[in-house]
């Protein structure tokens, strides 16, 4: 068993039952998509839905079946390269920006690949003691749940680039929060941060350690569309004094004038959603801002973004609305290792540690996060200019 797997807490009573559930959920997300939809790659940071289905399958084939199931035969030798993402130690990888060029294998072949691996996982469960492979399967399931959210992020971005602006599913909505925001007090002091429990956690959520916090207040809900619109109308995207230097350079280079997917037509604001283009609900939380935009808004509002330690303590001790079911919330914390963190010295150890540079931590969860996937200690991370994730803003103040 790898050292990374040893740090992963035990799986549910039946890892195979959990495997079946998660794998089925991935297919359900793509049932509304055509084969052509599943081929789309709208930017280098995004991936086709077909690739997500294949890559998550590659994970189980590479890290579970080949090491632990005697006599296992890979589905296709080329898939080892086509569907490796960033695991350098495993071998070569197809260029990320050209994943949309892979018209072959077809979606039908990718489904056959999933079926091949799923059948082999059933054989593994029948013939090999679960204790030897369980931890890696649990890691793989949480990895696949991450890609379930990515499927929705990426198809939304792809559909937004289509002049027809098709809907993924008109049932996807964001519930508004019309009540005024309330400021909740947090005493601060010496606090414990990071995961320390019996369930699953990613290695970057530990080790649990101490942090000192000064007293602060946190908003009990996310910034709303109407609140963010006032920032825009006050010239927020035309005032360099509100922005970090890199942020302002990005505003100018990209021509930003509002959050991703927002549009104004004849004085009416709308946003593109998973349900298609809809009129902007003033009371709904504002989504799809970068770290740069979140930071500029907080400065304009006279407040600031929380550190990730402040967010975790507030989430643990306060009744925060929209905590983990609407939008990932930007923090002011760069994505770095916790004190004492050491990545495992194997391919699985490439999962998190090597990305600890030039990114910021987001906390919480989003409307696209699979149920049960989010935790108070979960550390999501993106570059500060990223906007296609389901992101939002929660403010704090001294």
Protein backbone atom coordinates (compact mmCIF):
# COMPACT_ATOMS: atom_id res chain seq x y z
CA UNK A 1 0.00 0.00 0.00
CA UNK A 2 1.32 3.46 -0.89
CA UNK A 3 2.16 5.95 1.81
CA UNK A 4 -0.46 8.31 0.35
CA UNK A 5 -3.11 5.63 0.69
CA UNK A 6 -2.11 4.98 4.28
CA UNK A 7 -3.03 8.55 5.17
CA UNK A 8 -6.53 8.07 3.78
CA UNK A 9 -9.12 7.10 6.36
CA UNK A 10 -11.24 3.94 5.98
CA UNK A 11 -13.90 3.66 3.31
CA UNK A 12 -17.60 2.99 3.93
CA UNK A 13 -18.63 -0.53 4.92
CA UNK A 14 -18.67 -1.58 1.26
CA UNK A 15 -16.22 0.16 -1.03
CA UNK A 16 -17.79 -1.64 -3.97
CA UNK A 17 -21.25 -0.24 -3.20
CA UNK A 18 -19.79 3.26 -3.02
CA UNK A 19 -17.94 2.60 -6.27
CA UNK A 20 -21.14 1.61 -8.07
CA UNK A 21 -22.98 4.68 -6.76
CA UNK A 22 -20.33 7.21 -7.77
CA UNK A 23 -19.71 5.66 -11.18
CA UNK A 24 -23.43 5.67 -11.92
CA UNK A 25 -23.68 9.34 -10.93
CA UNK A 26 -21.05 10.30 -13.49
CA UNK A 27 -23.02 8.67 -16.28
CA UNK A 28 -26.22 10.33 -15.09
CA UNK A 29 -24.61 13.76 -15.46
CA UNK A 30 -23.92 13.10 -19.13
CA UNK A 31 -27.26 11.53 -20.06
CA UNK A 32 -28.58 14.91 -21.21
CA UNK A 33 -25.57 15.46 -23.47
CA UNK A 34 -25.21 14.38 -27.07
CA UNK A 35 -22.01 12.74 -28.34
CA UNK A 36 -21.18 16.08 -29.94
CA UNK A 37 -21.65 17.88 -26.60
CA UNK A 38 -19.31 15.39 -24.93
CA UNK A 39 -16.59 16.27 -27.45
CA UNK A 40 -16.48 20.01 -26.69
CA UNK A 41 -13.43 21.74 -25.20
CA UNK A 42 -14.01 25.49 -25.03
CA UNK A 43 -10.66 26.53 -23.53
CA UNK A 44 -7.37 24.90 -22.47
CA UNK A 45 -8.39 24.80 -18.78
CA UNK A 46 -11.57 22.85 -19.56
CA UNK A 47 -11.91 19.26 -20.78
CA UNK A 48 -14.55 17.40 -22.79
CA UNK A 49 -17.11 15.43 -20.81
CA UNK A 50 -15.95 12.35 -22.71
CA UNK A 51 -12.42 12.88 -21.44
CA UNK A 52 -13.62 13.20 -17.84
CA UNK A 53 -15.48 9.90 -18.14
CA UNK A 54 -12.38 8.22 -19.51
CA UNK A 55 -9.83 9.81 -17.18
CA UNK A 56 -11.68 8.80 -14.02
CA UNK A 57 -11.76 5.28 -15.42
CA UNK A 58 -8.04 5.43 -16.19
CA UNK A 59 -7.44 6.25 -12.52
CA UNK A 60 -8.97 2.97 -11.34
CA UNK A 61 -7.31 0.98 -14.09
CA UNK A 62 -3.87 2.46 -13.39
CA UNK A 63 -3.77 2.68 -9.60
CA UNK A 64 -6.07 -0.17 -8.55
CA UNK A 65 -6.59 -2.86 -11.18
CA UNK A 66 -3.13 -3.14 -12.68
CA UNK A 67 -1.35 -3.42 -9.30
CA UNK A 68 -3.96 -5.50 -7.44
CA UNK A 69 -5.97 -7.69 -9.86
CA UNK A 70 -3.86 -10.62 -11.11
CA UNK A 71 -4.09 -11.08 -14.88
CA UNK A 72 -5.85 -7.78 -15.54
CA UNK A 73 -5.60 -6.70 -19.19
CA UNK A 74 -5.89 -2.97 -19.97
CA UNK A 75 -8.75 -2.04 -22.29
CA UNK A 76 -6.52 -0.27 -24.84
CA UNK A 77 -2.78 0.47 -24.62
CA UNK A 78 -3.16 3.99 -26.04
CA UNK A 79 -5.50 5.02 -23.24
CA UNK A 80 -2.57 5.08 -20.80
CA UNK A 81 -1.36 8.24 -22.57
CA UNK A 82 -4.63 9.75 -23.79
CA UNK A 83 -6.28 9.84 -20.38
CA UNK A 84 -3.38 10.49 -18.02
CA UNK A 85 -3.80 14.04 -16.71
CA UNK A 86 -0.73 15.18 -14.76
CA UNK A 87 0.78 12.02 -13.28
CA UNK A 88 4.28 12.47 -14.64
CA UNK A 89 5.67 9.42 -12.87
CA UNK A 90 3.14 7.17 -14.56
CA UNK A 91 4.22 8.07 -18.08
CA UNK A 92 3.50 10.28 -21.10
CA UNK A 93 0.41 12.45 -21.33
CA UNK A 94 -1.62 13.86 -24.19
CA UNK A 95 -1.49 17.66 -24.39
CA UNK A 96 -4.19 19.15 -22.17
CA UNK A 97 -5.16 21.92 -24.57
CA UNK A 98 -5.80 19.34 -27.32
CA UNK A 99 -8.15 16.98 -25.49
CA UNK A 100 -10.98 18.26 -27.65
CA UNK A 101 -9.11 17.00 -30.72
CA UNK A 102 -9.68 13.40 -29.64
CA UNK A 103 -12.65 12.47 -31.81
CA UNK A 104 -11.44 8.89 -31.36
CA UNK A 105 -12.05 6.97 -29.19
CA UNK A 106 -15.75 7.63 -29.62
CA UNK A 107 -18.11 8.21 -26.72
CA UNK A 108 -19.39 4.68 -27.28
CA UNK A 109 -15.86 3.33 -26.89
CA UNK A 110 -15.37 5.35 -23.71
CA UNK A 111 -18.56 3.85 -22.31
CA UNK A 112 -17.20 0.41 -23.22
CA UNK A 113 -13.96 1.32 -21.43
CA UNK A 114 -15.91 2.20 -18.30
CA UNK A 115 -17.81 -1.07 -18.54
CA UNK A 116 -14.57 -3.04 -18.92
CA UNK A 117 -13.05 -1.44 -15.82
CA UNK A 118 -16.28 -1.68 -13.80
CA UNK A 119 -16.50 -5.43 -14.53
CA UNK A 120 -12.88 -5.86 -13.48
CA UNK A 121 -13.57 -3.99 -10.24
CA UNK A 122 -16.35 -6.48 -9.51
CA UNK A 123 -13.86 -9.33 -10.02
CA UNK A 124 -11.38 -7.58 -7.77
CA UNK A 125 -13.96 -7.34 -5.00
CA UNK A 126 -14.78 -11.04 -5.37
CA UNK A 127 -11.21 -12.33 -5.37
CA UNK A 128 -8.86 -9.93 -3.57
CA UNK A 129 -9.22 -8.88 0.08
CA UNK A 130 -10.69 -5.38 0.24
CA UNK A 131 -8.18 -4.17 2.81
CA UNK A 132 -5.41 -4.22 0.20
CA UNK A 133 -7.09 -1.86 -2.29
CA UNK A 134 -9.87 -0.10 -0.38
CA UNK A 135 -8.03 3.14 0.40
CA UNK A 136 -7.04 3.73 -3.21
CA UNK A 137 -10.62 3.09 -4.35
CA UNK A 138 -11.95 5.62 -1.85
CA UNK A 139 -9.42 8.16 -3.13
CA UNK A 140 -10.49 7.35 -6.68
CA UNK A 141 -14.15 7.89 -5.83
CA UNK A 142 -13.51 11.31 -4.35
CA UNK A 143 -11.37 12.06 -7.39
CA UNK A 144 -14.29 11.08 -9.64
CA UNK A 145 -16.64 13.29 -7.65
CA UNK A 146 -14.29 16.21 -8.30
CA UNK A 147 -14.58 15.45 -12.00
CA UNK A 148 -18.36 15.33 -11.74
CA UNK A 149 -18.25 18.99 -10.73
CA UNK A 150 -15.74 19.67 -13.50
CA UNK A 151 -18.11 18.11 -16.05
CA UNK A 152 -20.73 20.72 -15.10
CA UNK A 153 -18.23 23.57 -14.99
CA UNK A 154 -16.80 22.67 -18.39
CA UNK A 155 -20.07 22.01 -20.23
CA UNK A 156 -21.50 25.27 -18.89
CA UNK A 157 -18.52 27.13 -20.26
CA UNK A 158 -18.76 25.32 -23.58
CA UNK A 159 -22.50 26.02 -23.94
CA UNK A 160 -21.90 29.68 -23.07
CA UNK A 161 -19.69 29.98 -26.16
CA UNK A 162 -22.50 28.73 -28.41
CA UNK A 163 -24.58 31.64 -29.84
CA UNK A 164 -27.70 29.52 -29.21
CA UNK A 165 -26.80 29.42 -25.48
CA UNK A 166 -28.36 25.99 -24.95
CA UNK A 167 -29.46 24.86 -21.51
CA UNK A 168 -27.86 21.86 -19.87
CA UNK A 169 -30.89 21.30 -17.64
CA UNK A 170 -33.60 23.87 -16.96
CA UNK A 171 -34.11 22.38 -13.48
CA UNK A 172 -30.80 23.83 -12.25
CA UNK A 173 -31.50 26.95 -10.21
CA UNK A 174 -29.83 28.95 -7.46
CA UNK A 175 -32.06 29.67 -4.50
CA UNK A 176 -32.08 33.36 -3.52
CA UNK A 177 -31.36 34.62 -0.04
CA UNK A 178 -33.56 37.72 0.26
CA UNK A 179 -32.93 38.34 3.96
CA UNK A 180 -30.34 41.03 4.74
CA UNK A 181 -26.88 39.79 5.62
CA UNK A 182 -26.08 39.53 9.32
CA UNK A 183 -22.63 39.93 10.83
CA UNK A 184 -21.69 37.14 13.22
CA UNK A 185 -18.95 37.57 15.81
CA UNK A 186 -16.06 35.13 16.14
CA UNK A 187 -13.87 35.45 19.21
CA UNK A 188 -10.64 34.24 17.67
CA UNK A 189 -7.75 33.03 19.79
CA UNK A 190 -5.62 29.91 19.38
CA UNK A 191 -7.59 27.50 17.20
CA UNK A 192 -7.05 24.08 15.62
CA UNK A 193 -7.23 23.94 11.82
CA UNK A 194 -7.29 20.93 9.50
CA UNK A 195 -8.79 17.48 9.35
CA UNK A 196 -8.72 15.14 12.33
CA UNK A 197 -11.44 12.54 12.01
CA UNK A 198 -12.30 8.99 11.01
CA UNK A 199 -13.65 9.62 7.50
CA UNK A 200 -11.97 10.44 4.21
CA UNK A 201 -9.82 13.51 3.68
CA UNK A 202 -7.33 14.60 1.05
CA UNK A 203 -3.73 14.79 2.20
CA UNK A 204 -3.68 18.60 1.81
CA UNK A 205 -6.28 18.94 4.60
CA UNK A 206 -3.69 18.06 7.23
CA UNK A 207 -1.80 17.84 9.42
CA UNK A 208 -4.11 19.47 11.94
CA UNK A 209 -2.29 22.41 13.46
CA UNK A 210 -2.72 25.54 15.55
CA UNK A 211 -3.37 29.03 14.23
CA UNK A 212 -3.89 32.34 15.97
CA UNK A 213 -6.90 34.45 14.98
CA UNK A 214 -7.78 37.96 16.05
CA UNK A 215 -11.50 38.54 16.73
CA UNK A 216 -13.54 39.20 13.58
CA UNK A 217 -17.05 39.24 12.18
CA UNK A 218 -18.26 37.17 9.24
CA UNK A 219 -21.24 37.70 6.94
CA UNK A 220 -23.78 34.92 7.33
CA UNK A 221 -24.49 34.79 3.58
CA UNK A 222 -22.77 35.33 0.25
CA UNK A 223 -22.68 38.61 -1.65
CA UNK A 224 -25.82 38.93 -3.76
CA UNK A 225 -26.23 39.89 -7.40
CA UNK A 226 -27.70 43.28 -6.48
CA UNK A 227 -24.80 44.02 -4.14
CA UNK A 228 -22.24 43.09 -6.77
CA UNK A 229 -24.15 45.07 -9.40
CA UNK A 230 -23.72 48.21 -7.28
CA UNK A 231 -19.97 47.62 -7.42
CA UNK A 232 -20.17 47.49 -11.22
CA UNK A 233 -22.37 50.59 -11.43
CA UNK A 234 -19.95 52.48 -9.17
CA UNK A 235 -17.23 51.95 -11.74
CA UNK A 236 -15.67 48.96 -10.04
CA UNK A 237 -14.19 47.64 -13.28
CA UNK A 238 -12.85 51.10 -14.22
CA UNK A 239 -11.10 51.99 -10.95
CA UNK A 240 -7.56 50.62 -10.75
CA UNK A 241 -7.21 51.74 -7.12
CA UNK A 242 -9.54 48.89 -6.10
CA UNK A 243 -7.48 46.16 -7.73
CA UNK A 244 -4.31 44.27 -7.11
CA UNK A 245 -1.73 45.02 -9.78
CA UNK A 246 -2.04 41.61 -11.45
CA UNK A 247 -5.80 41.83 -11.18
CA UNK A 248 -5.99 45.19 -12.92
CA UNK A 249 -3.65 43.95 -15.64
CA UNK A 250 -6.02 41.01 -16.16
CA UNK A 251 -9.08 43.29 -16.29
CA UNK A 252 -7.41 45.32 -19.01
CA UNK A 253 -6.05 42.35 -20.94
CA UNK A 254 -9.30 40.37 -20.86
CA UNK A 255 -11.70 43.30 -21.11
CA UNK A 256 -13.66 42.30 -18.02
CA UNK A 257 -16.70 44.44 -17.18
CA UNK A 258 -18.58 42.00 -14.92
CA UNK A 259 -18.56 38.41 -13.72
CA UNK A 260 -18.27 35.58 -16.20
CA UNK A 261 -21.62 34.85 -17.91
CA UNK A 262 -23.16 38.24 -17.00
CA UNK A 263 -24.52 40.44 -19.81
CA UNK A 264 -26.39 43.73 -20.04
CA UNK A 265 -28.89 44.34 -22.84
CA UNK A 266 -30.83 47.62 -22.92
CA UNK A 267 -30.32 48.09 -19.19
CA UNK A 268 -31.42 44.55 -18.30
CA UNK A 269 -28.85 42.28 -16.73
CA UNK A 270 -28.86 38.53 -17.28
CA UNK A 271 -26.55 35.62 -16.58
CA UNK A 272 -25.92 32.34 -18.34
CA UNK A 273 -26.69 29.36 -16.12
CA UNK A 274 -26.87 25.60 -16.41
CA UNK A 275 -30.53 26.23 -17.19
CA UNK A 276 -29.72 28.66 -20.01
CA UNK A 277 -29.75 32.46 -20.00
CA UNK A 278 -31.93 33.92 -17.27
CA UNK A 279 -32.63 37.41 -15.97
CA UNK A 280 -30.43 38.35 -13.05
CA UNK A 281 -32.17 37.66 -9.73
CA UNK A 282 -31.12 40.54 -7.46
CA UNK A 283 -31.39 38.42 -4.32
CA UNK A 284 -29.49 35.36 -5.59
CA UNK A 285 -25.80 35.01 -4.76
CA UNK A 286 -23.35 36.40 -7.31
CA UNK A 287 -21.36 33.64 -9.00
CA UNK A 288 -18.33 33.17 -11.23
CA UNK A 289 -15.95 35.84 -9.98
CA UNK A 290 -12.20 35.41 -9.91
CA UNK A 291 -10.09 35.95 -6.81
CA UNK A 292 -9.09 39.31 -8.30
CA UNK A 293 -12.75 40.37 -8.57
CA UNK A 294 -13.60 39.06 -5.11
CA UNK A 295 -10.68 40.98 -3.60
CA UNK A 296 -11.59 44.19 -5.46
CA UNK A 297 -15.23 43.93 -4.40
CA UNK A 298 -14.25 43.40 -0.77
CA UNK A 299 -12.00 46.46 -0.87
CA UNK A 300 -14.76 48.54 -2.45
CA UNK A 301 -17.22 47.37 0.22
CA UNK A 302 -14.82 48.36 3.00
CA UNK A 303 -14.35 44.78 4.15
CA UNK A 304 -12.06 41.89 3.18
CA UNK A 305 -11.96 38.22 2.29
CA UNK A 306 -11.49 35.71 5.12
CA UNK A 307 -8.36 33.71 5.54
CA UNK A 308 -8.99 29.99 5.23
CA UNK A 309 -8.46 29.58 8.98
CA UNK A 310 -11.08 32.26 9.67
CA UNK A 311 -13.49 30.59 7.26
CA UNK A 312 -13.05 27.16 8.87
CA UNK A 313 -13.57 28.47 12.40
CA UNK A 314 -16.59 30.53 11.37
CA UNK A 315 -18.11 27.56 9.52
CA UNK A 316 -17.57 25.35 12.54
CA UNK A 317 -19.04 27.70 15.15
CA UNK A 318 -21.48 30.00 13.32
CA UNK A 319 -24.70 29.38 11.42
CA UNK A 320 -23.51 30.34 7.96
CA UNK A 321 -26.08 30.35 5.19
CA UNK A 322 -24.98 29.11 1.75
CA UNK A 323 -22.00 27.45 3.39
CA UNK A 324 -21.37 24.60 0.99
CA UNK A 325 -24.26 24.25 -1.46
CA UNK A 326 -24.11 27.36 -3.67
CA UNK A 327 -20.58 28.55 -4.40
CA UNK A 328 -17.00 27.92 -3.40
CA UNK A 329 -15.83 30.95 -1.45
CA UNK A 330 -12.54 32.65 -2.16
CA UNK A 331 -10.23 33.14 0.81
CA UNK A 332 -7.26 35.46 1.15
CA UNK A 333 -4.98 32.47 1.74
CA UNK A 334 -2.51 31.25 -0.87
CA UNK A 335 -2.59 27.52 -1.46
CA UNK A 336 0.47 26.30 0.44
CA UNK A 337 1.32 23.28 2.56
CA UNK A 338 0.20 23.12 6.16
CA UNK A 339 3.03 22.88 8.73
CA UNK A 340 4.38 19.34 8.68
CA UNK A 341 2.81 18.36 5.35
CA UNK A 342 4.87 15.94 3.28
CA UNK A 343 3.62 14.59 -0.03
CA UNK A 344 4.07 10.85 -0.47
CA UNK A 345 6.93 9.75 -2.67
CA UNK A 346 4.89 7.97 -5.33
CA UNK A 347 2.59 8.75 -8.25
CA UNK A 348 -0.46 9.21 -6.01
CA UNK A 349 1.56 11.82 -4.12
CA UNK A 350 1.31 14.04 -7.22
CA UNK A 351 -2.39 14.56 -6.46
CA UNK A 352 -2.13 17.82 -4.49
CA UNK A 353 1.31 18.78 -3.28
CA UNK A 354 2.88 19.86 -6.55
CA UNK A 355 0.14 22.44 -7.16
CA UNK A 356 0.96 24.45 -4.04
CA UNK A 357 2.07 27.60 -5.85
CA UNK A 358 0.37 30.56 -7.57
CA UNK A 359 -3.14 29.58 -6.46
CA UNK A 360 -5.63 30.63 -3.79
CA UNK A 361 -7.73 28.50 -1.47
CA UNK A 362 -11.51 28.32 -1.75
CA UNK A 363 -13.67 26.86 0.99
CA UNK A 364 -17.19 25.47 1.23
CA UNK A 365 -18.79 23.78 -1.77
CA UNK A 366 -21.07 24.64 -4.66
CA UNK A 367 -24.37 23.80 -6.30
CA UNK A 368 -22.39 21.42 -8.54
CA UNK A 369 -20.51 19.68 -5.72
CA UNK A 370 -21.76 16.08 -5.31
CA UNK A 371 -23.71 15.46 -2.09
CA UNK A 372 -21.45 14.38 0.74
CA UNK A 373 -18.26 15.46 -1.00
CA UNK A 374 -17.67 18.75 0.83
CA UNK A 375 -16.14 19.06 4.32
CA UNK A 376 -15.33 21.97 6.61
CA UNK A 377 -11.63 21.26 6.08
CA UNK A 378 -11.81 20.82 2.28
CA UNK A 379 -9.23 22.97 0.48
CA UNK A 380 -10.22 23.70 -3.09
CA UNK A 381 -7.80 25.83 -5.09
CA UNK A 382 -7.65 27.77 -8.35
CA UNK A 383 -5.43 30.41 -9.95
CA UNK A 384 -6.53 33.95 -9.02
CA UNK A 385 -7.80 34.70 -12.54
CA UNK A 386 -10.03 31.59 -12.79
CA UNK A 387 -13.75 32.33 -13.18
CA UNK A 388 -15.43 29.25 -14.64
CA UNK A 389 -15.71 27.45 -11.30
CA UNK A 390 -18.86 28.02 -9.25
CA UNK A 391 -17.32 30.71 -7.04
CA UNK A 392 -18.78 33.36 -4.76
CA UNK A 393 -17.83 35.91 -2.10
CA UNK A 394 -18.22 35.84 1.68
CA UNK A 395 -16.94 38.89 3.54
CA UNK A 396 -15.38 39.39 6.95
CA UNK A 397 -14.50 42.48 8.94
CA UNK A 398 -12.61 43.30 12.12
